[in-house]
Amino acid sequence: MSSLSATQLPLTGAAGTILFSAVAVLLAAAGVTVFLKSRSTKRSLRA
């Protein structure tokens, strides 16, 4: 009888989860960038 430790468990879906997280981080960064650029554009148009 073999006992499974946490390091021997299969990493089912691990690659998909990492890819999904990376895409989410990139989308969040793009959203912040667009928000900051639009804010600075509005500020310069008012001045």
Protein backbone atom coordinates (compact mmCIF):
# COMPACT_ATOMS: atom_id res chain seq x y z
CA MET A 1 0.00 0.00 0.00
CA SER A 2 1.47 3.34 -1.03
CA SER A 3 0.75 6.57 0.75
CA LEU A 4 0.49 9.80 -1.21
CA SER A 5 2.10 12.93 0.10
CA ALA A 6 1.15 16.41 -1.06
CA THR A 7 4.12 16.56 -3.44
CA GLN A 8 3.06 13.36 -5.21
CA LEU A 9 -0.47 14.47 -6.02
CA PRO A 10 -1.21 15.07 -9.72
CA LEU A 11 -1.23 18.69 -10.82
CA THR A 12 -4.47 18.42 -12.77
CA GLY A 13 -5.22 21.73 -14.50
CA ALA A 14 -2.20 23.49 -13.03
CA ALA A 15 -1.01 24.80 -16.41
CA GLY A 16 -4.48 26.14 -17.22
CA THR A 17 -4.74 27.87 -13.86
CA ILE A 18 -1.35 29.53 -14.27
CA LEU A 19 -2.24 30.67 -17.80
CA PHE A 20 -5.60 32.03 -16.64
CA SER A 21 -3.91 33.92 -13.79
CA ALA A 22 -1.29 35.40 -16.12
CA VAL A 23 -3.98 36.60 -18.54
CA ALA A 24 -5.95 38.11 -15.65
CA VAL A 25 -2.89 40.01 -14.40
CA LEU A 26 -2.15 41.34 -17.91
CA LEU A 27 -5.76 42.47 -18.38
CA ALA A 28 -5.74 44.20 -14.99
CA ALA A 29 -2.48 46.00 -15.85
CA ALA A 30 -3.91 47.09 -19.21
CA GLY A 31 -7.04 48.38 -17.49
CA VAL A 32 -5.04 50.40 -14.98
CA THR A 33 -2.88 51.83 -17.77
CA VAL A 34 -5.91 52.89 -19.83
CA PHE A 35 -7.54 54.40 -16.75
CA LEU A 36 -4.46 56.44 -15.82
CA LYS A 37 -3.89 57.63 -19.40
CA SER A 38 -7.52 58.71 -19.82
CA ARG A 39 -7.35 60.52 -16.49
CA SER A 40 -4.23 62.44 -17.49
CA THR A 41 -5.78 63.24 -20.90
CA LYS A 42 -8.91 64.66 -19.27
CA ARG A 43 -6.74 66.70 -16.91
CA SER A 44 -4.70 68.21 -19.76
CA LEU A 45 -7.84 69.06 -21.75
CA ARG A 46 -9.29 70.98 -18.78
CA ALA A 47 -6.10 73.01 -18.22
